[in-house]
Amino acid sequence: RSVMRERWQAAVAHMHGAVLEGADAGEVLQIGTTRAAELVHARAGIVALPSPAGVLRVEIVISDLEPGARASRWRVGAADVPTDDTGLARWRGAAVDPDGPIARCYATGEAAEGVERLMGPAEALDGRPADEIPVLALPLRTPDDVLGVLALVPRPGATLTSEQRELAFNCAGQAALALMLARGRWEKERIVLLEERDRIARDLHDLVIQRLFATGISLSGAARVADTPQPVVDRLESAVDALETTVKEIRAT
């Protein structure tokens, strides 16, 4: 139990350290999923998040290549990563069964256990479910909301102890907290970026456009001076037209 508690503390420190180092939400979830699976010696870890349409989809799949593999041997399921021997990486992007434990966990905010049927991209086209797997679904829950679900796939014949379940549940909660912090930092950075864009837009409007407009008026006046040769008038009018086009482009920008 002492060793497990130490691993739990190390997992929490790893997640929070990643947030402080500027990791994005995806990286934080990958770390949390990997460490939770390590704590209970699970076969794989799955993260399901709601899509903008409200459908729960598998966003992250982390599975080990062999029993007892170290963290460095774990791989993240992605489109450009070959399917490993567990066959789970292909479920990245799949929709979860609306009646399965993952959907039930997300709806209630409580841990759920059972057999999950994931609809893979190919299977979903004709309505046939993909393979079924047993999972322990844990909510990525904050005090105000459930952000998603972290599901652990136990090894065949393995039974999780009550302490392992508690640690995994707490790890999911810490992952949710780290995810919320990462998202908050991203939103803050996005606001700073938008404010900087607004400042640039004001500068373009108040300084650059006004100067171009004044220059165009000056050139137009010069073109109307008496006895100005026609070739000069034509060049001045062409310059004024170019300035007007430039002003329109800057306004659009």
Protein backbone atom coordinates (compact mmCIF):
# COMPACT_ATOMS: atom_id res chain seq x y z
CA ARG A 1 0.00 0.00 0.00
CA SER A 2 2.88 2.35 0.76
CA VAL A 3 4.37 1.77 -2.71
CA MET A 4 0.99 2.39 -4.35
CA ARG A 5 0.55 5.62 -2.41
CA GLU A 6 3.99 6.77 -3.52
CA ARG A 7 3.08 6.00 -7.13
CA TRP A 8 -0.16 7.91 -6.69
CA GLN A 9 1.69 10.96 -5.35
CA ALA A 10 4.20 10.73 -8.20
CA ALA A 11 1.34 10.56 -10.72
CA VAL A 12 -0.30 13.69 -9.27
CA ALA A 13 3.03 15.53 -9.25
CA HIS A 14 3.62 14.50 -12.87
CA MET A 15 0.26 15.85 -14.02
CA HIS A 16 0.52 19.13 -12.14
CA GLY A 17 4.12 19.56 -13.24
CA ALA A 18 3.04 19.13 -16.85
CA VAL A 19 0.46 21.89 -16.42
CA LEU A 20 3.04 24.23 -14.92
CA GLU A 21 5.41 23.48 -17.80
CA GLY A 22 2.77 24.54 -20.32
CA ALA A 23 1.44 21.16 -21.51
CA ASP A 24 -1.83 21.37 -23.43
CA ALA A 25 -5.02 19.57 -22.43
CA GLY A 26 -4.28 16.55 -24.62
CA GLU A 27 -0.84 16.03 -23.12
CA VAL A 28 -2.25 16.31 -19.59
CA LEU A 29 -4.89 13.69 -20.33
CA GLN A 30 -2.32 11.35 -21.86
CA ILE A 31 -0.19 11.60 -18.72
CA GLY A 32 -3.18 11.10 -16.42
CA THR A 33 -4.42 8.10 -18.39
CA THR A 34 -1.01 6.48 -18.48
CA ARG A 35 -0.39 6.94 -14.77
CA ALA A 36 -3.89 5.71 -13.82
CA ALA A 37 -3.39 2.57 -15.93
CA GLU A 38 0.01 2.03 -14.34
CA LEU A 39 -1.42 2.30 -10.83
CA VAL A 40 -3.82 -0.59 -11.38
CA HIS A 41 -1.70 -2.54 -13.92
CA ALA A 42 -4.46 -2.13 -16.50
CA ARG A 43 -4.25 -3.41 -20.05
CA ALA A 44 -5.17 -0.01 -21.50
CA GLY A 45 -6.60 3.39 -20.74
CA ILE A 46 -9.23 5.21 -22.76
CA VAL A 47 -10.40 8.83 -22.56
CA ALA A 48 -13.81 9.73 -23.96
CA LEU A 49 -14.79 13.38 -24.34
CA PRO A 50 -18.01 14.97 -25.61
CA SER A 51 -17.92 16.30 -29.15
CA PRO A 52 -19.49 19.68 -30.04
CA ALA A 53 -22.55 17.67 -31.13
CA GLY A 54 -22.78 16.11 -27.68
CA VAL A 55 -21.63 12.63 -28.73
CA LEU A 56 -19.08 10.90 -26.49
CA ARG A 57 -16.09 9.88 -28.58
CA VAL A 58 -12.81 8.19 -27.77
CA GLU A 59 -10.10 10.84 -28.02
CA ILE A 60 -7.14 9.02 -26.44
CA VAL A 61 -6.19 5.35 -26.34
CA ILE A 62 -3.09 4.31 -24.40
CA SER A 63 -2.15 0.65 -24.23
CA ASP A 64 0.96 -1.30 -23.34
CA LEU A 65 2.71 -3.59 -25.79
CA GLU A 66 3.24 -6.40 -23.34
CA PRO A 67 2.31 -7.26 -19.73
CA GLY A 68 4.40 -5.30 -17.26
CA ALA A 69 5.64 -2.81 -19.85
CA ARG A 70 7.16 0.33 -18.40
CA ALA A 71 5.69 3.77 -19.00
CA SER A 72 8.19 4.45 -21.76
CA ARG A 73 6.78 1.50 -23.66
CA TRP A 74 3.21 2.77 -23.60
CA ARG A 75 1.90 4.20 -26.83
CA VAL A 76 -0.78 6.73 -27.62
CA GLY A 77 -3.32 5.67 -30.22
CA ALA A 78 -3.34 8.15 -33.09
CA ALA A 79 -4.08 8.18 -36.76
CA ASP A 80 -0.42 7.91 -37.71
CA VAL A 81 0.44 5.23 -35.12
CA PRO A 82 0.16 1.57 -36.19
CA THR A 83 -2.34 -0.52 -34.26
CA ASP A 84 -0.60 -2.33 -31.42
CA ASP A 85 -1.16 -5.92 -30.40
CA THR A 86 -4.07 -5.01 -28.11
CA GLY A 87 -6.11 -3.86 -31.11
CA LEU A 88 -7.49 -0.89 -29.17
CA ALA A 89 -5.73 1.99 -30.94
CA ARG A 90 -8.14 1.68 -33.88
CA TRP A 91 -10.94 2.88 -31.63
CA ARG A 92 -9.61 6.40 -31.46
CA GLY A 93 -12.39 8.61 -32.75
CA ALA A 94 -15.06 5.96 -32.16
CA ALA A 95 -18.39 6.78 -30.56
CA VAL A 96 -19.19 5.00 -27.31
CA ASP A 97 -22.28 2.92 -26.73
CA PRO A 98 -24.98 5.29 -25.37
CA ASP A 99 -26.12 2.49 -23.05
CA GLY A 100 -22.62 1.40 -21.97
CA PRO A 101 -20.70 2.09 -18.77
CA ILE A 102 -18.74 5.03 -20.24
CA ALA A 103 -21.91 6.89 -21.22
CA ARG A 104 -23.50 5.97 -17.88
CA CYS A 105 -20.47 7.29 -16.01
CA TYR A 106 -20.56 10.56 -17.94
CA ALA A 107 -24.28 11.02 -17.32
CA THR A 108 -24.20 10.29 -13.59
CA GLY A 109 -20.72 11.51 -12.65
CA GLU A 110 -20.13 8.24 -10.81
CA ALA A 111 -17.82 5.31 -11.52
CA ALA A 112 -19.37 2.56 -13.63
CA GLU A 113 -18.25 -0.91 -14.58
CA GLY A 114 -19.31 -3.24 -17.34
CA VAL A 115 -18.80 -4.29 -20.93
CA GLU A 116 -18.23 -1.46 -23.41
CA ARG A 117 -19.15 -1.71 -27.08
CA LEU A 118 -17.37 0.92 -29.13
CA MET A 119 -18.56 1.87 -32.59
CA GLY A 120 -15.43 2.08 -34.70
CA PRO A 121 -15.31 4.32 -37.78
CA ALA A 122 -15.85 1.38 -40.13
CA GLU A 123 -18.36 -0.48 -37.95
CA ALA A 124 -20.44 2.63 -37.33
CA LEU A 125 -21.22 2.90 -41.04
CA ASP A 126 -23.33 -0.25 -41.08
CA GLY A 127 -24.34 -0.17 -37.42
CA ARG A 128 -22.28 -3.20 -36.35
CA PRO A 129 -20.48 -2.81 -33.03
CA ALA A 130 -16.78 -3.41 -32.70
CA ASP A 131 -15.35 -5.88 -30.20
CA GLU A 132 -16.62 -5.72 -26.64
CA ILE A 133 -14.25 -5.00 -23.75
CA PRO A 134 -14.72 -4.83 -19.97
CA VAL A 135 -13.97 -1.40 -18.55
CA LEU A 136 -13.92 0.51 -15.30
CA ALA A 137 -15.24 3.97 -16.23
CA LEU A 138 -14.17 6.88 -14.01
CA PRO A 139 -15.51 10.43 -14.32
CA LEU A 140 -13.20 13.32 -15.14
CA ARG A 141 -15.14 15.37 -12.66
CA THR A 142 -14.62 18.85 -11.32
CA PRO A 143 -16.72 20.49 -8.60
CA ASP A 144 -18.93 22.03 -11.27
CA ASP A 145 -18.99 19.62 -14.19
CA VAL A 146 -18.05 16.26 -15.69
CA LEU A 147 -15.51 16.93 -18.44
CA GLY A 148 -15.35 13.39 -19.79
CA VAL A 149 -14.56 9.80 -18.81
CA LEU A 150 -11.34 7.93 -18.16
CA ALA A 151 -11.91 4.19 -18.70
CA LEU A 152 -9.44 1.50 -17.67
CA VAL A 153 -9.36 -1.88 -19.38
CA PRO A 154 -8.25 -4.56 -16.88
CA ARG A 155 -6.10 -7.49 -17.91
CA PRO A 156 -7.89 -10.78 -18.58
CA GLY A 157 -8.69 -12.48 -15.27
CA ALA A 158 -7.44 -9.54 -13.17
CA THR A 159 -9.53 -8.20 -10.31
CA LEU A 160 -8.98 -4.70 -9.01
CA THR A 161 -8.78 -4.26 -5.26
CA SER A 162 -10.82 -1.63 -3.48
CA GLU A 163 -7.67 0.40 -2.89
CA GLN A 164 -6.73 0.23 -6.57
CA ARG A 165 -10.21 1.43 -7.49
CA GLU A 166 -9.95 4.30 -5.02
CA LEU A 167 -6.55 5.36 -6.33
CA ALA A 168 -7.73 5.16 -9.93
CA PHE A 169 -10.82 7.22 -9.07
CA ASN A 170 -8.70 9.85 -7.32
CA CYS A 171 -6.24 9.87 -10.23
CA ALA A 172 -9.11 10.58 -12.63
CA GLY A 173 -10.20 13.45 -10.39
CA GLN A 174 -6.70 14.92 -10.38
CA ALA A 175 -6.52 14.49 -14.17
CA ALA A 176 -9.78 16.44 -14.47
CA LEU A 177 -8.38 19.20 -12.27
CA ALA A 178 -5.18 19.35 -14.30
CA LEU A 179 -7.25 19.38 -17.50
CA MET A 180 -9.33 22.28 -16.20
CA LEU A 181 -6.17 24.22 -15.30
CA ALA A 182 -4.66 23.52 -18.73
CA ARG A 183 -7.84 24.65 -20.46
CA GLY A 184 -7.98 27.76 -18.29
CA ARG A 185 -4.42 28.66 -19.20
CA TRP A 186 -5.18 28.08 -22.88
CA GLU A 187 -8.24 30.32 -22.67
CA LYS A 188 -6.17 33.02 -20.96
CA GLU A 189 -3.51 32.81 -23.68
CA ARG A 190 -6.24 32.98 -26.31
CA ILE A 191 -7.72 36.11 -24.71
CA VAL A 192 -4.27 37.72 -24.66
CA LEU A 193 -3.86 36.87 -28.35
CA LEU A 194 -7.26 38.34 -29.24
CA GLU A 195 -6.53 41.49 -27.23
CA GLU A 196 -3.24 41.87 -29.10
CA ARG A 197 -5.05 41.46 -32.42
CA ASP A 198 -7.54 44.15 -31.36
CA ARG A 199 -4.66 46.47 -30.51
CA ILE A 200 -3.05 45.87 -33.90
CA ALA A 201 -6.40 46.50 -35.62
CA ARG A 202 -6.81 49.80 -33.76
CA ASP A 203 -3.29 50.84 -34.71
CA LEU A 204 -3.91 49.99 -38.35
CA HIS A 205 -7.14 51.97 -38.35
CA ASP A 206 -6.08 54.98 -36.29
CA LEU A 207 -2.56 55.39 -37.66
CA VAL A 208 -1.85 53.59 -40.92
CA ILE A 209 -5.20 54.04 -42.66
CA GLN A 210 -5.49 57.68 -41.63
CA ARG A 211 -1.99 58.44 -42.98
CA LEU A 212 -2.71 56.65 -46.27
CA PHE A 213 -6.02 58.50 -46.56
CA ALA A 214 -4.31 61.86 -45.97
CA THR A 215 -1.61 61.00 -48.51
CA GLY A 216 -4.29 60.09 -51.07
CA ILE A 217 -6.06 63.44 -50.55
CA SER A 218 -2.76 65.28 -50.97
CA LEU A 219 -2.00 63.46 -54.22
CA SER A 220 -5.52 64.12 -55.51
CA GLY A 221 -5.05 67.80 -54.84
CA ALA A 222 -1.72 67.80 -56.64
CA ALA A 223 -3.32 66.20 -59.68
CA ARG A 224 -5.79 69.08 -59.93
CA VAL A 225 -3.14 71.81 -59.94
CA ALA A 226 -3.35 73.90 -63.10
CA ASP A 227 -0.84 73.30 -65.88
CA THR A 228 0.13 69.89 -64.48
CA PRO A 229 1.29 67.72 -67.40
CA GLN A 230 -1.15 64.94 -68.22
CA PRO A 231 1.40 62.12 -67.77
CA VAL A 232 1.97 63.37 -64.21
CA VAL A 233 -1.78 63.60 -63.56
CA ASP A 234 -2.22 60.01 -64.77
CA ARG A 235 0.53 58.76 -62.47
CA LEU A 236 -0.89 60.65 -59.50
CA GLU A 237 -4.38 59.24 -60.11
CA SER A 238 -2.93 55.74 -60.42
CA ALA A 239 -1.16 56.22 -57.07
CA VAL A 240 -4.41 57.39 -55.46
CA ASP A 241 -6.22 54.30 -56.77
CA ALA A 242 -3.47 52.08 -55.37
CA LEU A 243 -3.77 53.79 -51.99
CA GLU A 244 -7.55 53.28 -51.94
CA THR A 245 -7.06 49.58 -52.70
CA THR A 246 -4.48 49.33 -49.92
CA VAL A 247 -6.84 50.99 -47.45
CA LYS A 248 -9.59 48.50 -48.31
CA GLU A 249 -7.19 45.57 -47.84
CA ILE A 250 -6.03 46.87 -44.46
CA ARG A 251 -9.63 47.37 -43.32
CA ALA A 252 -10.44 43.80 -44.34
CA THR A 253 -7.40 42.57 -42.42
